[in-house]
Amino acid sequence: NLRDAFPKIATDIPNCEEAGTLNPIVGLIALFQANEVIKLITKKGKLLVNQLLIYNSLQNNQFKIKLKKNKKLDIEEIFKNSTYLDSNCTLQDNTLLITASELKKSISDSTIEIVSILNNFDETIPFNVHQKIPYKTFDIKNFKPNFNKKYVIICARGITSYAVTLKIKEKYPLLSVLSLSGGITKY
């Protein structure tokens, strides 16, 4: 069971969508999983039981780790008590959000400072941004705000930008900072 290796659900790291994954790798892993189901149904081949398959696409190799049942864990209890909800999917505070239509109305305001936290600098953004700070390298300690500006933090879907907005607001409570609701995909 995966919980034997990783008993706690990691909630403090970005999910695959936010961190960025290589789509062919996701497809490849899905094919591995589908193949296991086919072997189970047809009762052919050797199932990947009590093992964790790790695939390294950079080196194009894979290896298996044998998993031992963790007798201290009650897997059924963990399953029943876990929500499996992404912590980033909690309701966002509307006072920290700006809608696409609101941003469109105020985009020419000289006090607006738009900060992109997209990891991919080549991603198309439908408007000009003033700063590009990749989410993977964003560090609140290095963020030096201008209190005369109103910051709008943007990302693809409004999830990581909201997380960054919360960090900035925590460190600088008096700073005007908003997250683009729904990200640039909803713009």
N, C-alpha and C. Protein backbone atom coordinates (compact mmCIF):
# COMPACT_ATOMS: atom_id res chain seq x y z
N ASN A 1 0.84 -1.17 0.00
CA ASN A 1 0.00 0.00 0.00
C ASN A 1 0.89 1.24 0.00
N LEU A 2 0.52 2.23 -0.78
CA LEU A 2 1.31 3.46 -0.85
C LEU A 2 1.45 4.12 0.52
N ARG A 3 0.45 4.01 1.36
CA ARG A 3 0.51 4.62 2.70
C ARG A 3 1.53 3.93 3.60
N ASP A 4 1.96 2.71 3.24
CA ASP A 4 3.04 2.08 3.99
C ASP A 4 4.33 2.86 3.78
N ALA A 5 4.53 3.37 2.58
CA ALA A 5 5.73 4.14 2.27
C ALA A 5 5.56 5.61 2.65
N PHE A 6 4.37 6.14 2.40
CA PHE A 6 4.08 7.55 2.66
C PHE A 6 2.81 7.66 3.49
N PRO A 7 2.92 7.53 4.82
CA PRO A 7 1.72 7.49 5.65
C PRO A 7 0.90 8.78 5.64
N LYS A 8 1.55 9.91 5.45
CA LYS A 8 0.83 11.18 5.47
C LYS A 8 0.72 11.73 4.05
N ILE A 9 -0.43 12.32 3.77
CA ILE A 9 -0.64 12.95 2.47
C ILE A 9 0.11 14.28 2.48
N ALA A 10 0.96 14.48 1.49
CA ALA A 10 1.72 15.73 1.41
C ALA A 10 0.78 16.85 0.96
N THR A 11 0.56 17.82 1.83
CA THR A 11 -0.34 18.93 1.49
C THR A 11 0.40 20.25 1.34
N ASP A 12 1.67 20.26 1.68
CA ASP A 12 2.42 21.52 1.66
C ASP A 12 3.25 21.71 0.40
N ILE A 13 3.05 20.83 -0.58
CA ILE A 13 3.79 20.97 -1.83
C ILE A 13 2.78 21.14 -2.97
N PRO A 14 3.17 21.83 -4.03
CA PRO A 14 2.23 22.01 -5.14
C PRO A 14 1.89 20.68 -5.80
N ASN A 15 0.67 20.60 -6.30
CA ASN A 15 0.29 19.39 -7.03
C ASN A 15 0.95 19.39 -8.40
N CYS A 16 0.76 18.31 -9.14
CA CYS A 16 1.43 18.17 -10.45
C CYS A 16 1.08 19.31 -11.39
N GLU A 17 -0.18 19.71 -11.37
CA GLU A 17 -0.61 20.77 -12.28
C GLU A 17 0.10 22.08 -11.97
N GLU A 18 0.23 22.39 -10.69
CA GLU A 18 0.85 23.66 -10.31
C GLU A 18 2.37 23.63 -10.43
N ALA A 19 2.97 22.50 -10.10
CA ALA A 19 4.43 22.41 -10.17
C ALA A 19 4.91 22.26 -11.61
N GLY A 20 4.05 21.73 -12.43
CA GLY A 20 4.41 21.52 -13.83
C GLY A 20 4.95 20.12 -14.04
N THR A 21 4.28 19.37 -14.86
CA THR A 21 4.75 18.02 -15.18
C THR A 21 4.89 17.91 -16.69
N LEU A 22 5.67 16.97 -17.11
CA LEU A 22 5.81 16.71 -18.53
C LEU A 22 4.70 15.75 -18.93
N ASN A 23 3.79 16.20 -19.75
CA ASN A 23 2.61 15.40 -20.10
C ASN A 23 2.93 14.01 -20.61
N PRO A 24 3.98 13.82 -21.43
CA PRO A 24 4.28 12.45 -21.87
C PRO A 24 4.59 11.52 -20.70
N ILE A 25 5.22 12.04 -19.65
CA ILE A 25 5.54 11.20 -18.49
C ILE A 25 4.27 10.80 -17.77
N VAL A 26 3.34 11.75 -17.61
CA VAL A 26 2.06 11.44 -16.98
C VAL A 26 1.36 10.33 -17.76
N GLY A 27 1.37 10.45 -19.09
CA GLY A 27 0.76 9.43 -19.94
C GLY A 27 1.45 8.09 -19.80
N LEU A 28 2.77 8.11 -19.71
CA LEU A 28 3.54 6.87 -19.57
C LEU A 28 3.19 6.16 -18.26
N ILE A 29 3.14 6.91 -17.17
CA ILE A 29 2.79 6.32 -15.87
C ILE A 29 1.36 5.77 -15.92
N ALA A 30 0.46 6.49 -16.57
CA ALA A 30 -0.93 6.01 -16.71
C ALA A 30 -0.96 4.69 -17.47
N LEU A 31 -0.11 4.55 -18.49
CA LEU A 31 -0.04 3.29 -19.23
C LEU A 31 0.49 2.16 -18.35
N PHE A 32 1.48 2.46 -17.51
CA PHE A 32 1.98 1.45 -16.57
C PHE A 32 0.84 0.99 -15.66
N GLN A 33 0.06 1.94 -15.16
CA GLN A 33 -1.05 1.60 -14.26
C GLN A 33 -2.11 0.78 -15.00
N ALA A 34 -2.44 1.18 -16.22
CA ALA A 34 -3.43 0.44 -17.02
C ALA A 34 -2.94 -0.98 -17.29
N ASN A 35 -1.64 -1.12 -17.53
CA ASN A 35 -1.06 -2.44 -17.78
C ASN A 35 -1.22 -3.34 -16.55
N GLU A 36 -1.06 -2.77 -15.36
CA GLU A 36 -1.24 -3.55 -14.13
C GLU A 36 -2.68 -4.04 -14.01
N VAL A 37 -3.64 -3.20 -14.38
CA VAL A 37 -5.05 -3.59 -14.34
C VAL A 37 -5.31 -4.73 -15.33
N ILE A 38 -4.74 -4.62 -16.52
CA ILE A 38 -4.91 -5.68 -17.53
C ILE A 38 -4.33 -6.99 -17.02
N LYS A 39 -3.14 -6.94 -16.40
CA LYS A 39 -2.53 -8.16 -15.85
C LYS A 39 -3.41 -8.75 -14.75
N LEU A 40 -4.02 -7.89 -13.94
CA LEU A 40 -4.88 -8.35 -12.86
C LEU A 40 -6.13 -9.03 -13.42
N ILE A 41 -6.75 -8.42 -14.41
CA ILE A 41 -7.98 -8.97 -15.00
C ILE A 41 -7.70 -10.27 -15.75
N THR A 42 -6.64 -10.29 -16.53
CA THR A 42 -6.34 -11.47 -17.36
C THR A 42 -5.58 -12.55 -16.60
N LYS A 43 -5.15 -12.21 -15.40
CA LYS A 43 -4.36 -13.13 -14.57
C LYS A 43 -3.11 -13.59 -15.31
N LYS A 44 -2.48 -12.68 -16.02
CA LYS A 44 -1.24 -12.96 -16.77
C LYS A 44 -0.14 -12.05 -16.24
N GLY A 45 1.07 -12.54 -16.30
CA GLY A 45 2.22 -11.73 -15.92
C GLY A 45 2.38 -11.60 -14.41
N LYS A 46 3.37 -10.85 -14.02
CA LYS A 46 3.68 -10.67 -12.60
C LYS A 46 3.21 -9.28 -12.17
N LEU A 47 2.29 -9.26 -11.20
CA LEU A 47 1.76 -7.99 -10.71
C LEU A 47 2.79 -7.25 -9.85
N LEU A 48 2.68 -5.97 -9.87
CA LEU A 48 3.52 -5.12 -9.04
C LEU A 48 2.85 -5.02 -7.67
N VAL A 49 3.07 -6.04 -6.84
CA VAL A 49 2.42 -6.13 -5.54
C VAL A 49 3.47 -5.87 -4.46
N ASN A 50 3.09 -5.05 -3.48
CA ASN A 50 3.98 -4.68 -2.38
C ASN A 50 5.30 -4.10 -2.88
N GLN A 51 5.22 -3.37 -3.99
CA GLN A 51 6.39 -2.73 -4.57
C GLN A 51 5.99 -1.35 -5.07
N LEU A 52 6.96 -0.47 -5.11
CA LEU A 52 6.77 0.86 -5.67
C LEU A 52 7.71 1.00 -6.85
N LEU A 53 7.14 1.22 -8.03
CA LEU A 53 7.94 1.40 -9.24
C LEU A 53 8.29 2.87 -9.37
N ILE A 54 9.57 3.15 -9.49
CA ILE A 54 10.04 4.53 -9.67
C ILE A 54 10.65 4.63 -11.05
N TYR A 55 10.14 5.58 -11.82
CA TYR A 55 10.61 5.77 -13.19
C TYR A 55 11.33 7.11 -13.28
N ASN A 56 12.56 7.10 -13.76
CA ASN A 56 13.36 8.30 -13.92
C ASN A 56 13.46 8.60 -15.42
N SER A 57 12.70 9.58 -15.87
CA SER A 57 12.68 9.88 -17.30
C SER A 57 13.96 10.59 -17.75
N LEU A 58 14.64 11.27 -16.84
CA LEU A 58 15.87 11.97 -17.23
C LEU A 58 16.98 10.98 -17.57
N GLN A 59 17.04 9.87 -16.85
CA GLN A 59 18.06 8.85 -17.10
C GLN A 59 17.49 7.66 -17.87
N ASN A 60 16.18 7.69 -18.11
CA ASN A 60 15.48 6.61 -18.80
C ASN A 60 15.73 5.26 -18.13
N ASN A 61 15.54 5.24 -16.81
CA ASN A 61 15.65 3.97 -16.10
C ASN A 61 14.55 3.89 -15.05
N GLN A 62 14.39 2.70 -14.53
CA GLN A 62 13.39 2.49 -13.50
C GLN A 62 13.90 1.47 -12.50
N PHE A 63 13.35 1.55 -11.30
CA PHE A 63 13.67 0.53 -10.31
C PHE A 63 12.48 0.36 -9.39
N LYS A 64 12.50 -0.75 -8.66
CA LYS A 64 11.40 -1.06 -7.76
C LYS A 64 11.89 -1.07 -6.33
N ILE A 65 11.04 -0.59 -5.45
CA ILE A 65 11.30 -0.65 -4.02
C ILE A 65 10.26 -1.59 -3.42
N LYS A 66 10.73 -2.55 -2.64
CA LYS A 66 9.80 -3.45 -1.97
C LYS A 66 9.22 -2.72 -0.76
N LEU A 67 7.92 -2.85 -0.60
CA LEU A 67 7.23 -2.23 0.53
C LEU A 67 6.84 -3.30 1.53
N LYS A 68 7.08 -3.02 2.79
CA LYS A 68 6.63 -3.92 3.84
C LYS A 68 5.43 -3.28 4.51
N LYS A 69 4.49 -4.10 4.89
CA LYS A 69 3.31 -3.59 5.57
C LYS A 69 3.74 -2.97 6.89
N ASN A 70 3.31 -1.75 7.09
CA ASN A 70 3.58 -1.05 8.34
C ASN A 70 2.49 -1.43 9.32
N LYS A 71 2.85 -2.30 10.25
CA LYS A 71 1.87 -2.84 11.21
C LYS A 71 1.32 -1.75 12.12
N LYS A 72 2.07 -0.65 12.26
CA LYS A 72 1.63 0.43 13.15
C LYS A 72 0.51 1.26 12.53
N LEU A 73 0.35 1.16 11.21
CA LEU A 73 -0.66 1.96 10.53
C LEU A 73 -1.93 1.17 10.30
N ASP A 74 -3.06 1.81 10.54
CA ASP A 74 -4.35 1.23 10.19
C ASP A 74 -4.77 1.90 8.89
N ILE A 75 -4.42 1.26 7.77
CA ILE A 75 -4.64 1.85 6.44
C ILE A 75 -6.11 2.17 6.22
N GLU A 76 -7.00 1.27 6.63
CA GLU A 76 -8.43 1.52 6.44
C GLU A 76 -8.86 2.76 7.21
N GLU A 77 -8.33 2.93 8.41
CA GLU A 77 -8.68 4.10 9.22
C GLU A 77 -8.14 5.38 8.58
N ILE A 78 -6.91 5.31 8.07
CA ILE A 78 -6.34 6.47 7.38
C ILE A 78 -7.19 6.82 6.17
N PHE A 79 -7.59 5.81 5.41
CA PHE A 79 -8.41 6.04 4.22
C PHE A 79 -9.74 6.69 4.59
N LYS A 80 -10.39 6.17 5.63
CA LYS A 80 -11.69 6.71 6.04
C LYS A 80 -11.59 8.14 6.55
N ASN A 81 -10.50 8.46 7.22
CA ASN A 81 -10.35 9.78 7.83
C ASN A 81 -9.67 10.81 6.94
N SER A 82 -9.18 10.39 5.79
CA SER A 82 -8.52 11.33 4.88
C SER A 82 -9.53 11.87 3.88
N THR A 83 -9.42 13.16 3.61
CA THR A 83 -10.36 13.77 2.67
C THR A 83 -9.84 13.68 1.24
N TYR A 84 -8.54 13.58 1.08
CA TYR A 84 -7.89 13.56 -0.23
C TYR A 84 -8.20 14.82 -1.04
N LEU A 85 -8.58 15.86 -0.34
CA LEU A 85 -8.80 17.14 -1.00
C LEU A 85 -7.50 17.91 -1.01
N ASP A 86 -7.26 18.59 -2.08
CA ASP A 86 -6.08 19.45 -2.18
C ASP A 86 -6.30 20.63 -1.26
N SER A 87 -5.34 20.90 -0.38
CA SER A 87 -5.49 22.02 0.55
C SER A 87 -5.61 23.33 -0.19
N ASN A 88 -5.09 23.39 -1.42
CA ASN A 88 -5.20 24.61 -2.22
C ASN A 88 -6.61 24.81 -2.76
N CYS A 89 -7.45 23.79 -2.64
CA CYS A 89 -8.80 23.90 -3.18
C CYS A 89 -9.79 24.44 -2.15
N THR A 90 -9.31 24.86 -1.01
CA THR A 90 -10.20 25.45 -0.03
C THR A 90 -10.72 26.77 -0.58
N LEU A 91 -11.80 27.23 -0.02
CA LEU A 91 -12.37 28.49 -0.49
C LEU A 91 -11.37 29.62 -0.32
N GLN A 92 -11.30 30.45 -1.32
CA GLN A 92 -10.38 31.58 -1.28
C GLN A 92 -11.13 32.80 -0.76
N ASP A 93 -10.42 33.62 -0.02
CA ASP A 93 -10.96 34.86 0.53
C ASP A 93 -11.15 35.85 -0.61
N ASN A 94 -12.40 36.22 -0.87
CA ASN A 94 -12.70 37.13 -1.99
C ASN A 94 -12.04 38.49 -1.85
N THR A 95 -11.72 38.89 -0.63
CA THR A 95 -11.07 40.20 -0.45
C THR A 95 -9.63 40.18 -0.95
N LEU A 96 -9.09 38.99 -1.21
CA LEU A 96 -7.72 38.87 -1.73
C LEU A 96 -7.71 38.52 -3.22
N LEU A 97 -8.87 38.62 -3.87
CA LEU A 97 -8.99 38.25 -5.27
C LEU A 97 -9.39 39.44 -6.13
N ILE A 98 -8.94 39.41 -7.37
CA ILE A 98 -9.40 40.35 -8.38
C ILE A 98 -9.87 39.53 -9.57
N THR A 99 -11.05 39.85 -10.07
CA THR A 99 -11.58 39.10 -11.21
C THR A 99 -10.94 39.59 -12.49
N ALA A 100 -11.09 38.81 -13.54
CA ALA A 100 -10.54 39.19 -14.85
C ALA A 100 -11.15 40.51 -15.32
N SER A 101 -12.45 40.67 -15.13
CA SER A 101 -13.10 41.91 -15.59
C SER A 101 -12.61 43.11 -14.78
N GLU A 102 -12.40 42.93 -13.48
CA GLU A 102 -11.87 44.03 -12.65
C GLU A 102 -10.45 44.39 -13.08
N LEU A 103 -9.64 43.38 -13.39
CA LEU A 103 -8.27 43.64 -13.83
C LEU A 103 -8.27 44.35 -15.18
N LYS A 104 -9.15 43.92 -16.07
CA LYS A 104 -9.23 44.57 -17.40
C LYS A 104 -9.55 46.05 -17.27
N LYS A 105 -10.42 46.40 -16.31
CA LYS A 105 -10.79 47.80 -16.10
C LYS A 105 -9.63 48.63 -15.55
N SER A 106 -8.79 48.01 -14.73
CA SER A 106 -7.74 48.76 -14.05
C SER A 106 -6.34 48.48 -14.57
N ILE A 107 -6.23 47.76 -15.67
CA ILE A 107 -4.91 47.32 -16.15
C ILE A 107 -4.01 48.49 -16.55
N SER A 108 -4.60 49.60 -16.97
CA SER A 108 -3.78 50.75 -17.38
C SER A 108 -3.43 51.67 -16.20
N ASP A 109 -3.92 51.35 -15.02
CA ASP A 109 -3.61 52.13 -13.82
C ASP A 109 -2.12 52.02 -13.51
N SER A 110 -1.45 53.15 -13.41
CA SER A 110 0.01 53.14 -13.20
C SER A 110 0.41 52.64 -11.82
N THR A 111 -0.55 52.55 -10.90
CA THR A 111 -0.21 52.04 -9.57
C THR A 111 -0.29 50.51 -9.49
N ILE A 112 -0.81 49.89 -10.55
CA ILE A 112 -0.91 48.42 -10.58
C ILE A 112 0.44 47.83 -10.96
N GLU A 113 0.89 46.86 -10.19
CA GLU A 113 2.14 46.12 -10.46
C GLU A 113 1.75 44.65 -10.60
N ILE A 114 1.85 44.13 -11.81
CA ILE A 114 1.46 42.74 -12.07
C ILE A 114 2.70 41.86 -11.99
N VAL A 115 2.60 40.83 -11.15
CA VAL A 115 3.71 39.90 -10.93
C VAL A 115 3.27 38.51 -11.38
N SER A 116 3.98 37.96 -12.35
CA SER A 116 3.72 36.59 -12.82
C SER A 116 4.58 35.63 -12.02
N ILE A 117 3.95 34.57 -11.52
CA ILE A 117 4.72 33.52 -10.83
C ILE A 117 4.68 32.22 -11.63
N LEU A 118 4.40 32.34 -12.93
CA LEU A 118 4.44 31.18 -13.81
C LEU A 118 5.87 30.66 -13.88
N ASN A 119 6.04 29.36 -13.79
CA ASN A 119 7.37 28.77 -13.88
C ASN A 119 7.92 28.86 -15.30
N ASN A 120 7.03 28.83 -16.28
CA ASN A 120 7.44 28.85 -17.68
C ASN A 120 7.41 30.29 -18.20
N PHE A 121 8.58 30.88 -18.40
CA PHE A 121 8.68 32.25 -18.89
C PHE A 121 8.12 32.40 -20.30
N ASP A 122 8.06 31.30 -21.05
CA ASP A 122 7.59 31.36 -22.44
C ASP A 122 6.07 31.26 -22.56
N GLU A 123 5.40 31.02 -21.44
CA GLU A 123 3.94 30.90 -21.49
C GLU A 123 3.33 32.25 -21.90
N THR A 124 2.33 32.17 -22.76
CA THR A 124 1.68 33.38 -23.26
C THR A 124 0.81 33.99 -22.17
N ILE A 125 1.03 35.28 -21.93
CA ILE A 125 0.23 36.03 -20.96
C ILE A 125 -0.51 37.10 -21.75
N PRO A 126 -1.82 37.22 -21.57
CA PRO A 126 -2.61 38.11 -22.42
C PRO A 126 -2.47 39.61 -22.11
N PHE A 127 -1.52 39.96 -21.27
CA PHE A 127 -1.28 41.36 -20.93
C PHE A 127 0.16 41.49 -20.47
N ASN A 128 0.64 42.71 -20.35
CA ASN A 128 2.02 42.93 -19.91
C ASN A 128 2.14 42.74 -18.40
N VAL A 129 3.25 42.16 -17.99
CA VAL A 129 3.52 42.02 -16.57
C VAL A 129 4.77 42.83 -16.23
N HIS A 130 4.86 43.23 -14.98
CA HIS A 130 5.98 44.06 -14.55
C HIS A 130 7.13 43.24 -13.99
N GLN A 131 6.79 42.09 -13.38
CA GLN A 131 7.82 41.22 -12.82
C GLN A 131 7.48 39.77 -13.14
N LYS A 132 8.52 38.98 -13.37
CA LYS A 132 8.36 37.54 -13.54
C LYS A 132 9.23 36.85 -12.50
N ILE A 133 8.57 36.20 -11.55
CA ILE A 133 9.27 35.47 -10.50
C ILE A 133 8.70 34.05 -10.51
N PRO A 134 9.45 33.07 -11.00
CA PRO A 134 8.90 31.70 -11.04
C PRO A 134 8.49 31.22 -9.64
N TYR A 135 7.35 30.56 -9.58
CA TYR A 135 6.85 30.06 -8.30
C TYR A 135 7.88 29.18 -7.60
N LYS A 136 8.59 28.36 -8.38
CA LYS A 136 9.55 27.43 -7.78
C LYS A 136 10.72 28.16 -7.12
N THR A 137 10.96 29.42 -7.48
CA THR A 137 12.06 30.17 -6.86
C THR A 137 11.56 31.31 -5.99
N PHE A 138 10.23 31.49 -5.90
CA PHE A 138 9.69 32.59 -5.10
C PHE A 138 10.05 32.41 -3.63
N ASP A 139 10.63 33.45 -3.05
CA ASP A 139 10.98 33.45 -1.63
C ASP A 139 10.52 34.78 -1.06
N ILE A 140 9.62 34.72 -0.11
CA ILE A 140 9.05 35.94 0.47
C ILE A 140 10.12 36.84 1.06
N LYS A 141 11.23 36.24 1.52
CA LYS A 141 12.32 37.04 2.11
C LYS A 141 12.96 37.96 1.07
N ASN A 142 12.92 37.55 -0.20
CA ASN A 142 13.53 38.34 -1.27
C ASN A 142 12.55 39.30 -1.94
N PHE A 143 11.29 39.24 -1.55
CA PHE A 143 10.28 40.11 -2.16
C PHE A 143 10.29 41.46 -1.47
N LYS A 144 10.64 42.49 -2.21
CA LYS A 144 10.74 43.86 -1.67
C LYS A 144 9.64 44.71 -2.31
N PRO A 145 8.53 44.88 -1.60
CA PRO A 145 7.40 45.60 -2.21
C PRO A 145 7.55 47.12 -2.16
N ASN A 146 6.85 47.76 -3.07
CA ASN A 146 6.70 49.20 -3.09
C ASN A 146 5.29 49.47 -2.56
N PHE A 147 5.18 50.10 -1.41
CA PHE A 147 3.87 50.29 -0.78
C PHE A 147 3.00 51.31 -1.50
N ASN A 148 3.54 51.96 -2.51
CA ASN A 148 2.74 52.88 -3.34
C ASN A 148 2.07 52.14 -4.49
N LYS A 149 2.36 50.86 -4.64
CA LYS A 149 1.80 50.04 -5.72
C LYS A 149 0.71 49.12 -5.18
N LYS A 150 -0.16 48.71 -6.10
CA LYS A 150 -1.18 47.69 -5.82
C LYS A 150 -0.75 46.46 -6.62
N TYR A 151 -0.40 45.40 -5.93
CA TYR A 151 0.13 44.20 -6.59
C TYR A 151 -0.99 43.25 -7.00
N VAL A 152 -0.84 42.71 -8.20
CA VAL A 152 -1.72 41.64 -8.68
C VAL A 152 -0.81 40.48 -9.04
N ILE A 153 -0.99 39.37 -8.34
CA ILE A 153 -0.18 38.17 -8.55
C ILE A 153 -0.95 37.26 -9.50
N ILE A 154 -0.26 36.77 -10.53
CA ILE A 154 -0.95 35.93 -11.51
C ILE A 154 -0.24 34.59 -11.70
N CYS A 155 -1.03 33.58 -12.04
CA CYS A 155 -0.51 32.26 -12.42
C CYS A 155 -1.48 31.68 -13.43
N ALA A 156 -1.36 30.41 -13.73
CA ALA A 156 -2.21 29.79 -14.75
C ALA A 156 -3.66 29.68 -14.30
N ARG A 157 -3.90 29.19 -13.09
CA ARG A 157 -5.27 28.91 -12.66
C ARG A 157 -5.69 29.62 -11.37
N GLY A 158 -4.84 30.45 -10.82
CA GLY A 158 -5.22 31.20 -9.64
C GLY A 158 -5.00 30.48 -8.32
N ILE A 159 -4.32 29.35 -8.37
CA ILE A 159 -4.09 28.60 -7.13
C ILE A 159 -2.76 28.99 -6.51
N THR A 160 -1.68 28.89 -7.26
CA THR A 160 -0.38 29.26 -6.69
C THR A 160 -0.29 30.77 -6.49
N SER A 161 -0.95 31.55 -7.34
CA SER A 161 -0.92 33.00 -7.13
C SER A 161 -1.62 33.35 -5.82
N TYR A 162 -2.68 32.62 -5.49
CA TYR A 162 -3.37 32.86 -4.23
C TYR A 162 -2.47 32.48 -3.05
N ALA A 163 -1.76 31.36 -3.17
CA ALA A 163 -0.84 30.95 -2.11
C ALA A 163 0.25 32.00 -1.90
N VAL A 164 0.78 32.55 -2.99
CA VAL A 164 1.80 33.60 -2.88
C VAL A 164 1.19 34.86 -2.29
N THR A 165 -0.02 35.19 -2.69
CA THR A 165 -0.71 36.36 -2.14
C THR A 165 -0.85 36.23 -0.63
N LEU A 166 -1.20 35.04 -0.16
CA LEU A 166 -1.32 34.82 1.29
C LEU A 166 0.02 35.04 1.99
N LYS A 167 1.10 34.54 1.39
CA LYS A 167 2.44 34.71 1.99
C LYS A 167 2.82 36.19 2.05
N ILE A 168 2.55 36.90 0.96
CA ILE A 168 2.89 38.33 0.93
C ILE A 168 2.06 39.09 1.95
N LYS A 169 0.77 38.79 2.00
CA LYS A 169 -0.14 39.48 2.93
C LYS A 169 0.24 39.19 4.38
N GLU A 170 0.72 37.98 4.64
CA GLU A 170 1.14 37.63 6.00
C GLU A 170 2.35 38.46 6.42
N LYS A 171 3.30 38.62 5.50
CA LYS A 171 4.52 39.37 5.83
C LYS A 171 4.28 40.88 5.78
N TYR A 172 3.43 41.31 4.84
CA TYR A 172 3.17 42.75 4.66
C TYR A 172 1.65 42.99 4.72
N PRO A 173 1.06 42.98 5.91
CA PRO A 173 -0.40 43.08 6.02
C PRO A 173 -0.99 44.37 5.44
N LEU A 174 -0.21 45.44 5.40
CA LEU A 174 -0.73 46.71 4.90
C LEU A 174 -0.57 46.88 3.39
N LEU A 175 0.12 45.96 2.76
CA LEU A 175 0.34 46.04 1.32
C LEU A 175 -0.94 45.65 0.57
N SER A 176 -1.24 46.38 -0.49
CA SER A 176 -2.37 46.04 -1.35
C SER A 176 -1.91 44.96 -2.33
N VAL A 177 -2.39 43.75 -2.13
CA VAL A 177 -1.99 42.62 -2.98
C VAL A 177 -3.20 41.72 -3.22
N LEU A 178 -3.40 41.37 -4.49
CA LEU A 178 -4.53 40.54 -4.89
C LEU A 178 -4.05 39.43 -5.82
N SER A 179 -4.81 38.35 -5.85
CA SER A 179 -4.54 37.24 -6.76
C SER A 179 -5.59 37.27 -7.86
N LEU A 180 -5.15 37.02 -9.10
CA LEU A 180 -6.09 36.97 -10.22
C LEU A 180 -6.94 35.70 -10.10
N SER A 181 -8.21 35.88 -9.85
CA SER A 181 -9.13 34.77 -9.66
C SER A 181 -9.22 33.93 -10.94
N GLY A 182 -8.97 32.63 -10.81
CA GLY A 182 -9.03 31.73 -11.95
C GLY A 182 -7.80 31.77 -12.84
N GLY A 183 -6.87 32.66 -12.54
CA GLY A 183 -5.63 32.75 -13.30
C GLY A 183 -5.83 33.27 -14.72
N ILE A 184 -4.76 33.18 -15.50
CA ILE A 184 -4.82 33.72 -16.86
C ILE A 184 -5.69 32.86 -17.78
N THR A 185 -5.98 31.63 -17.37
CA THR A 185 -6.85 30.80 -18.20
C THR A 185 -8.28 31.33 -18.21
N LYS A 186 -8.66 32.08 -17.19
CA LYS A 186 -10.01 32.66 -17.11
C LYS A 186 -10.03 34.11 -17.57
N TYR A 187 -8.90 34.63 -18.02
CA TYR A 187 -8.82 36.04 -18.40
C TYR A 187 -9.39 36.25 -19.78
